[in-house]
């Protein structure tokens, strides 16, 4: 993992987003869905603006839109705190995106220790609570009118966001906190994710049925918007927690992938050797792969198994082995000690059918075939 993020000028931007700036080297993006929710906030807040400052007319909607911007600036602070702590631990942060349901910080890589997971997660809700507390402290100093309304709204929203984000269920920050605690107690990060995922599913169910308990608990009858909002939030929580659990189950199988154990014995041959002779020698040596080398013995290509099979046997004596070999790019030469997620990430960076595995001293261990990795991954799931 590199500690330095990609150059922002060349960093790909997700479709449907608008870059509005950078924070600590991370792109700040606004999703197109944000403009929808900003408009909804403006319409919902307009009557409150009219009560706080009568006589504004249509300007009340502009004031409501300004409040939406202020509110999302506090969301940006929440997400920026995640980014800053993650960067402090050496994780690149590619972007911070503001969207319909709040914000998302794209942190590259996974926490290596429970402590990292805990602090990266908990700092967001604590930031929101701090912003809410500051706004609450400023309330007595505000004159009646729009300023007081904005401060009260900022205080209430941030305190609510901070507390709700601490609910112990993925994909909420509180779910990541729970994940870190279970990870710390059991020593198993995947078990932590599964427990926190079930917490997220339980939270989703409670949110879905919340309107049914709204009147008995709060004394207010739910309307259509309450049901719609409950469904949207519950669906978001359920899908997020389910995806996290599925990812954990996949990741639990990754430690079984050891490059060294999957390496095929290889035969080194000169690049101008006829393919038929190279195949004969490989069979004789019980080698599962062939590598072409220079006159000095330096590997320069990996023979493609698919290309060999596609070459008719009667043509093989007349075809040089180099014709069915792929030149060794940097990404096709991998350390033999790669294991688990590091191995998967290495082969995903340069997709290919075969890779040359090298020892630490530069000598060739063998060839890693992607099909063998896939087979081992499937076998680990049984």
Protein backbone atom coordinates (compact mmCIF):
# COMPACT_ATOMS: atom_id res chain seq x y z
CA UNK A 1 0.00 0.00 0.00
CA UNK A 2 1.31 3.39 -0.97
CA UNK A 3 1.09 6.19 1.56
CA UNK A 4 0.80 8.84 -1.13
CA UNK A 5 -2.54 9.27 -2.89
CA UNK A 6 -2.91 9.47 -6.63
CA UNK A 7 -2.48 12.83 -8.29
CA UNK A 8 -5.89 14.55 -7.88
CA UNK A 9 -5.65 15.96 -11.40
CA UNK A 10 -5.58 12.42 -12.86
CA UNK A 11 -7.84 10.70 -10.34
CA UNK A 12 -10.96 9.20 -11.98
CA UNK A 13 -14.23 10.71 -10.77
CA UNK A 14 -17.34 8.54 -10.28
CA UNK A 15 -20.10 9.29 -12.80
CA UNK A 16 -22.81 11.66 -11.63
CA UNK A 17 -20.55 13.63 -9.30
CA UNK A 18 -19.19 17.16 -9.33
CA UNK A 19 -15.84 18.06 -7.80
CA UNK A 20 -16.10 21.16 -5.60
CA UNK A 21 -12.65 21.16 -3.96
CA UNK A 22 -10.16 19.14 -1.94
CA UNK A 23 -9.57 18.49 1.76
CA UNK A 24 -6.23 17.10 2.94
CA UNK A 25 -5.47 15.92 -0.60
CA UNK A 26 -8.84 14.19 -1.06
CA UNK A 27 -11.36 15.22 -3.71
CA UNK A 28 -14.62 16.63 -2.34
CA UNK A 29 -17.41 15.42 -4.63
CA UNK A 30 -21.10 16.28 -4.68
CA UNK A 31 -23.45 13.64 -6.05
CA UNK A 32 -26.28 14.69 -8.32
CA UNK A 33 -28.67 13.25 -5.72
CA UNK A 34 -27.51 15.96 -3.30
CA UNK A 35 -29.26 18.64 -5.34
CA UNK A 36 -32.53 16.73 -4.94
CA UNK A 37 -32.23 16.49 -1.17
CA UNK A 38 -31.07 20.14 -0.93
CA UNK A 39 -34.23 21.15 -2.77
CA UNK A 40 -36.36 19.00 -0.46
CA UNK A 41 -34.72 20.55 2.60
CA UNK A 42 -35.36 24.03 1.19
CA UNK A 43 -39.07 23.24 0.73
CA UNK A 44 -39.41 21.57 4.15
CA UNK A 45 -37.55 24.35 5.98
CA UNK A 46 -39.34 27.22 4.17
CA UNK A 47 -42.35 27.30 6.57
CA UNK A 48 -39.95 27.38 9.55
CA UNK A 49 -38.08 30.25 7.89
CA UNK A 50 -41.40 32.06 7.42
CA UNK A 51 -42.11 31.76 11.14
CA UNK A 52 -38.62 32.89 12.14
CA UNK A 53 -38.50 35.79 9.66
CA UNK A 54 -42.00 36.67 8.33
CA UNK A 55 -42.39 38.56 5.09
CA UNK A 56 -39.56 37.02 3.06
CA UNK A 57 -41.89 35.70 0.41
CA UNK A 58 -40.14 33.49 -2.14
CA UNK A 59 -36.78 34.32 -0.53
CA UNK A 60 -37.68 31.86 2.23
CA UNK A 61 -36.79 29.05 -0.18
CA UNK A 62 -33.37 30.56 -0.77
CA UNK A 63 -32.90 30.75 3.01
CA UNK A 64 -33.93 27.09 3.23
CA UNK A 65 -31.39 26.21 0.54
CA UNK A 66 -28.69 28.12 2.46
CA UNK A 67 -29.54 26.07 5.55
CA UNK A 68 -29.17 22.87 3.48
CA UNK A 69 -25.69 24.00 2.41
CA UNK A 70 -24.72 24.78 6.02
CA UNK A 71 -26.06 21.42 7.15
CA UNK A 72 -24.02 19.57 4.55
CA UNK A 73 -20.91 21.53 5.48
CA UNK A 74 -21.24 19.93 8.90
CA UNK A 75 -21.61 16.54 7.16
CA UNK A 76 -18.40 17.38 5.30
CA UNK A 77 -16.66 17.99 8.65
CA UNK A 78 -17.88 14.57 9.80
CA UNK A 79 -16.45 12.86 6.71
CA UNK A 80 -13.25 14.93 6.73
CA UNK A 81 -12.52 13.73 10.26
CA UNK A 82 -12.65 10.12 8.98
CA UNK A 83 -10.28 11.07 6.16
CA UNK A 84 -7.78 12.86 8.40
CA UNK A 85 -7.55 9.99 10.90
CA UNK A 86 -7.29 7.42 8.09
CA UNK A 87 -4.47 9.41 6.50
CA UNK A 88 -2.78 9.56 9.89
CA UNK A 89 -2.66 5.77 9.85
CA UNK A 90 -1.19 5.80 6.33
CA UNK A 91 -4.30 4.95 4.31
CA UNK A 92 -4.84 6.92 1.09
CA UNK A 93 -8.24 8.63 0.90
CA UNK A 94 -9.32 9.17 -2.69
CA UNK A 95 -12.49 11.18 -2.16
CA UNK A 96 -15.24 12.46 0.12
CA UNK A 97 -18.67 12.35 -1.50
CA UNK A 98 -21.78 14.18 -0.33
CA UNK A 99 -24.95 12.41 -1.42
CA UNK A 100 -28.65 11.92 -0.70
CA UNK A 101 -28.24 10.18 2.65
CA UNK A 102 -25.25 12.17 3.92
CA UNK A 103 -21.64 11.48 3.02
CA UNK A 104 -19.10 8.78 2.24
CA UNK A 105 -15.32 8.72 2.64
CA UNK A 106 -13.49 6.45 0.18
CA UNK A 107 -10.58 4.99 2.16
CA UNK A 108 -8.27 2.72 0.16
CA UNK A 109 -7.35 -0.41 2.06
CA UNK A 110 -8.60 -2.06 5.23
CA UNK A 111 -7.62 -1.37 8.83
CA UNK A 112 -4.79 -3.64 9.91
CA UNK A 113 -5.60 -3.52 13.62
CA UNK A 114 -8.79 -3.10 15.71
CA UNK A 115 -7.44 0.17 17.13
CA UNK A 116 -7.25 1.70 13.65
CA UNK A 117 -10.79 0.57 12.79
CA UNK A 118 -12.11 2.00 16.06
CA UNK A 119 -10.60 5.46 15.80
CA UNK A 120 -11.27 5.91 12.07
CA UNK A 121 -14.93 5.05 12.72
CA UNK A 122 -15.64 6.79 16.02
CA UNK A 123 -14.13 10.16 15.10
CA UNK A 124 -17.00 10.92 12.68
CA UNK A 125 -19.89 10.72 15.16
CA UNK A 126 -17.78 12.50 17.79
CA UNK A 127 -17.18 15.34 15.33
CA UNK A 128 -20.92 15.65 14.64
CA UNK A 129 -21.68 15.67 18.37
CA UNK A 130 -18.99 18.32 18.89
CA UNK A 131 -20.45 20.51 16.14
CA UNK A 132 -23.91 20.09 17.67
CA UNK A 133 -22.60 20.94 21.14
CA UNK A 134 -20.87 24.10 19.87
CA UNK A 135 -24.04 25.20 18.06
CA UNK A 136 -26.05 24.50 21.20
CA UNK A 137 -23.62 26.61 23.22
CA UNK A 138 -23.99 29.50 20.76
CA UNK A 139 -27.79 29.40 20.89
CA UNK A 140 -28.21 31.80 23.86
CA UNK A 141 -26.01 34.34 22.06
CA UNK A 142 -28.11 34.39 18.88
CA UNK A 143 -30.76 37.06 18.22
CA UNK A 144 -34.26 35.96 17.23
CA UNK A 145 -34.69 35.30 13.54
CA UNK A 146 -32.94 33.31 10.84
CA UNK A 147 -29.61 33.06 12.65
CA UNK A 148 -31.22 31.51 15.71
CA UNK A 149 -33.20 29.12 13.53
CA UNK A 150 -30.03 28.03 11.68
CA UNK A 151 -28.07 27.48 14.89
CA UNK A 152 -30.89 25.49 16.48
CA UNK A 153 -31.30 23.39 13.36
CA UNK A 154 -27.55 22.79 13.12
CA UNK A 155 -27.39 21.76 16.77
CA UNK A 156 -30.33 19.38 16.55
CA UNK A 157 -29.29 17.80 13.26
CA UNK A 158 -25.68 17.20 14.28
CA UNK A 159 -26.52 15.81 17.69
CA UNK A 160 -29.04 13.48 16.06
CA UNK A 161 -26.60 12.42 13.32
CA UNK A 162 -23.82 11.87 15.87
CA UNK A 163 -25.95 9.74 18.19
CA UNK A 164 -27.63 7.72 15.41
CA UNK A 165 -24.27 7.03 13.75
CA UNK A 166 -23.14 5.36 16.96
CA UNK A 167 -25.90 2.74 16.64
CA UNK A 168 -23.94 -0.57 16.56
CA UNK A 169 -24.78 -1.80 13.09
CA UNK A 170 -23.08 -1.66 9.70
CA UNK A 171 -22.84 0.37 7.52
CA UNK A 172 -23.11 3.02 10.27
CA UNK A 173 -19.96 4.19 12.04
CA UNK A 174 -21.24 2.53 15.20
CA UNK A 175 -21.20 -0.75 13.32
CA UNK A 176 -17.52 -0.30 12.58
CA UNK A 177 -16.96 0.50 16.26
CA UNK A 178 -18.73 -2.75 17.19
CA UNK A 179 -16.71 -4.58 14.54
CA UNK A 180 -13.46 -3.29 16.07
CA UNK A 181 -14.51 -4.37 19.58
CA UNK A 182 -15.48 -7.89 18.49
CA UNK A 183 -12.28 -8.07 16.44
CA UNK A 184 -10.27 -7.04 19.51
CA UNK A 185 -12.00 -9.63 21.73
CA UNK A 186 -11.94 -12.56 19.30
CA UNK A 187 -8.92 -11.75 17.16
CA UNK A 188 -11.07 -12.38 14.06
CA UNK A 189 -11.87 -9.36 11.88
CA UNK A 190 -14.40 -11.32 9.81
CA UNK A 191 -16.36 -12.34 12.90
CA UNK A 192 -16.44 -8.69 13.90
CA UNK A 193 -17.92 -7.78 10.52
CA UNK A 194 -20.56 -10.53 10.70
CA UNK A 195 -21.68 -9.46 14.19
CA UNK A 196 -21.82 -5.79 13.17
CA UNK A 197 -23.66 -6.79 9.98
CA UNK A 198 -26.39 -8.49 11.99
CA UNK A 199 -26.55 -5.35 14.10
CA UNK A 200 -27.16 -3.39 10.89
CA UNK A 201 -29.93 -5.76 9.81
CA UNK A 202 -31.63 -5.47 13.20
CA UNK A 203 -31.37 -1.68 12.99
CA UNK A 204 -32.89 -1.77 9.50
CA UNK A 205 -35.86 -3.77 10.79
CA UNK A 206 -36.41 -1.34 13.67
CA UNK A 207 -36.26 1.65 11.30
CA UNK A 208 -38.73 0.01 8.91
CA UNK A 209 -41.31 -0.47 11.67
CA UNK A 210 -40.59 2.86 13.38
CA UNK A 211 -43.67 4.67 11.95
CA UNK A 212 -45.92 2.11 13.67
CA UNK A 213 -44.46 3.13 17.06
CA UNK A 214 -44.19 6.85 16.29
CA UNK A 215 -47.62 7.83 17.59
CA UNK A 216 -47.53 5.81 20.87
CA UNK A 217 -44.02 7.05 21.68
CA UNK A 218 -44.02 10.62 20.36
CA UNK A 219 -47.70 11.41 20.11
CA UNK A 220 -47.45 12.34 16.40
CA UNK A 221 -49.32 10.45 13.70
CA UNK A 222 -47.01 9.26 10.88
CA UNK A 223 -47.69 10.55 7.38
CA UNK A 224 -46.76 9.16 3.97
CA UNK A 225 -43.34 10.86 4.06
CA UNK A 226 -42.50 9.09 7.34
CA UNK A 227 -43.21 5.71 5.78
CA UNK A 228 -41.24 6.53 2.62
CA UNK A 229 -38.25 7.81 4.62
CA UNK A 230 -38.33 4.75 6.91
CA UNK A 231 -38.34 2.45 3.88
CA UNK A 232 -35.45 4.29 2.17
CA UNK A 233 -33.26 4.32 5.30
CA UNK A 234 -34.09 0.69 6.15
CA UNK A 235 -33.23 -0.41 2.61
CA UNK A 236 -29.93 1.49 2.79
CA UNK A 237 -29.02 -0.12 6.13
CA UNK A 238 -30.08 -3.62 5.06
CA UNK A 239 -28.21 -3.54 1.75
CA UNK A 240 -25.10 -2.03 3.37
CA UNK A 241 -24.98 -4.59 6.19
CA UNK A 242 -25.70 -7.49 3.82
CA UNK A 243 -22.92 -6.40 1.46
CA UNK A 244 -20.48 -6.10 4.39
CA UNK A 245 -21.36 -9.61 5.60
CA UNK A 246 -20.95 -11.07 2.11
CA UNK A 247 -17.58 -9.37 1.79
CA UNK A 248 -16.49 -10.74 5.18
CA UNK A 249 -17.40 -14.28 4.16
CA UNK A 250 -15.35 -13.90 0.97
CA UNK A 251 -12.42 -12.35 2.80
CA UNK A 252 -12.43 -15.18 5.36
CA UNK A 253 -11.50 -17.51 2.49
CA UNK A 254 -8.62 -15.37 1.24
CA UNK A 255 -5.98 -16.55 3.78
CA UNK A 256 -6.18 -19.97 2.10
CA UNK A 257 -4.70 -18.43 -1.04
CA UNK A 258 -0.92 -18.76 -0.80
CA UNK A 259 1.01 -18.00 -3.99
CA UNK A 260 3.91 -20.28 -3.06
CA UNK A 261 1.59 -23.26 -2.54
CA UNK A 262 -0.19 -22.65 -5.85
CA UNK A 263 2.96 -22.29 -7.95
CA UNK A 264 3.38 -24.64 -10.89
CA UNK A 265 6.79 -26.09 -11.59
CA UNK A 266 8.22 -24.32 -14.63
CA UNK A 267 10.64 -25.15 -17.40
CA UNK A 268 12.98 -22.48 -18.79
CA UNK A 269 13.60 -22.67 -22.56
CA UNK A 270 15.19 -20.36 -25.18
CA UNK A 271 12.65 -18.21 -27.00
CA UNK A 272 13.53 -19.63 -30.44
CA UNK A 273 12.96 -23.28 -29.44
CA UNK A 274 10.19 -24.96 -31.46
CA UNK A 275 6.94 -25.18 -29.49
CA UNK A 276 6.68 -28.96 -29.97
CA UNK A 277 10.12 -29.47 -28.41
CA UNK A 278 9.29 -27.11 -25.52
CA UNK A 279 6.08 -29.03 -24.78
CA UNK A 280 7.95 -32.37 -24.99
CA UNK A 281 10.59 -31.18 -22.53
CA UNK A 282 7.93 -29.83 -20.17
CA UNK A 283 6.12 -33.19 -20.11
CA UNK A 284 9.39 -35.01 -19.57
CA UNK A 285 10.27 -32.72 -16.63
CA UNK A 286 6.71 -32.89 -15.22
CA UNK A 287 6.56 -29.11 -15.46
CA UNK A 288 3.17 -27.40 -15.51
CA UNK A 289 4.40 -24.23 -17.19
CA UNK A 290 7.04 -22.89 -19.58
CA UNK A 291 9.06 -19.68 -19.36
CA UNK A 292 11.20 -18.28 -22.15
CA UNK A 293 14.62 -16.94 -21.18
CA UNK A 294 17.40 -14.95 -22.83
CA UNK A 295 20.81 -16.41 -23.61
CA UNK A 296 21.88 -15.20 -20.16
CA UNK A 297 19.04 -17.11 -18.49
CA UNK A 298 16.94 -14.02 -17.70
CA UNK A 299 13.16 -14.71 -17.93
CA UNK A 300 11.50 -12.71 -20.71
CA UNK A 301 8.12 -14.34 -21.31
CA UNK A 302 5.50 -16.75 -19.99
CA UNK A 303 4.06 -19.28 -22.40
CA UNK A 304 0.28 -19.06 -22.53
CA UNK A 305 -1.35 -22.40 -21.83
CA UNK A 306 -4.44 -21.34 -23.79
CA UNK A 307 -2.32 -20.35 -26.79
CA UNK A 308 -0.49 -23.69 -26.72
CA UNK A 309 -3.77 -25.62 -26.67
CA UNK A 310 -5.08 -23.47 -29.55
CA UNK A 311 -2.04 -24.34 -31.71
CA UNK A 312 -2.58 -27.55 -33.75
CA UNK A 313 -0.02 -30.25 -33.01
CA UNK A 314 1.05 -30.52 -36.63
CA UNK A 315 2.06 -26.83 -36.60
CA UNK A 316 3.92 -26.87 -33.29
CA UNK A 317 7.28 -28.02 -34.76
CA UNK A 318 7.27 -24.93 -37.01
CA UNK A 319 6.22 -22.36 -34.38
CA UNK A 320 8.78 -20.75 -32.07
CA UNK A 321 7.79 -20.92 -28.42
CA UNK A 322 8.10 -17.12 -28.23
CA UNK A 323 5.05 -16.86 -30.53
CA UNK A 324 2.78 -18.17 -27.77
CA UNK A 325 4.51 -16.35 -24.90
CA UNK A 326 3.49 -13.09 -23.25
CA UNK A 327 6.29 -10.63 -22.55
CA UNK A 328 7.04 -10.17 -18.86
CA UNK A 329 5.65 -6.79 -17.84
CA UNK A 330 6.26 -5.54 -14.32
CA UNK A 331 2.82 -6.67 -13.13
CA UNK A 332 3.38 -10.21 -14.37
CA UNK A 333 6.29 -10.78 -11.97
CA UNK A 334 5.06 -11.27 -8.41
CA UNK A 335 6.74 -12.10 -5.09
CA UNK A 336 6.33 -15.75 -4.20
CA UNK A 337 5.33 -14.87 -0.62
CA UNK A 338 2.06 -13.12 -1.53
CA UNK A 339 -0.87 -14.37 0.54
CA UNK A 340 -4.60 -13.71 0.71
CA UNK A 341 -5.88 -10.25 -0.10
CA UNK A 342 -2.43 -9.02 -1.17
CA UNK A 343 -2.33 -11.80 -3.76
CA UNK A 344 -5.82 -10.99 -5.07
CA UNK A 345 -5.00 -7.28 -5.30
CA UNK A 346 -1.73 -8.00 -7.12
CA UNK A 347 -3.35 -10.09 -9.84
CA UNK A 348 -6.29 -7.69 -10.17
CA UNK A 349 -3.93 -4.80 -10.91
CA UNK A 350 -2.59 -6.58 -14.01
CA UNK A 351 -5.16 -9.14 -15.18
CA UNK A 352 -3.54 -12.13 -16.88
CA UNK A 353 -3.78 -15.91 -17.12
CA UNK A 354 -0.24 -16.59 -15.80
CA UNK A 355 2.25 -14.82 -13.54
CA UNK A 356 5.91 -15.49 -12.80
CA UNK A 357 6.63 -15.99 -9.10
CA UNK A 358 10.01 -14.79 -7.87
CA UNK A 359 11.91 -15.48 -4.67
CA UNK A 360 13.36 -12.58 -2.68
CA UNK A 361 16.74 -13.13 -4.34
CA UNK A 362 15.16 -12.79 -7.81
CA UNK A 363 15.27 -16.48 -8.68
CA UNK A 364 12.23 -18.11 -10.29
CA UNK A 365 10.00 -20.24 -8.05
CA UNK A 366 7.41 -21.13 -10.67
CA UNK A 367 4.33 -19.86 -12.47
CA UNK A 368 1.05 -18.89 -10.86
CA UNK A 369 -2.01 -19.63 -13.01
CA UNK A 370 -5.13 -17.56 -12.35
CA UNK A 371 -7.36 -20.60 -12.90
CA UNK A 372 -5.53 -22.35 -10.03
CA UNK A 373 -6.19 -19.34 -7.77
CA UNK A 374 -9.90 -19.42 -8.66
CA UNK A 375 -10.07 -23.16 -7.98
CA UNK A 376 -8.37 -22.77 -4.59
CA UNK A 377 -10.74 -19.92 -3.69
CA UNK A 378 -13.80 -22.02 -4.51
CA UNK A 379 -12.41 -24.99 -2.60
CA UNK A 380 -11.87 -22.81 0.48
CA UNK A 381 -15.59 -22.06 0.57
CA UNK A 382 -16.55 -25.71 1.04
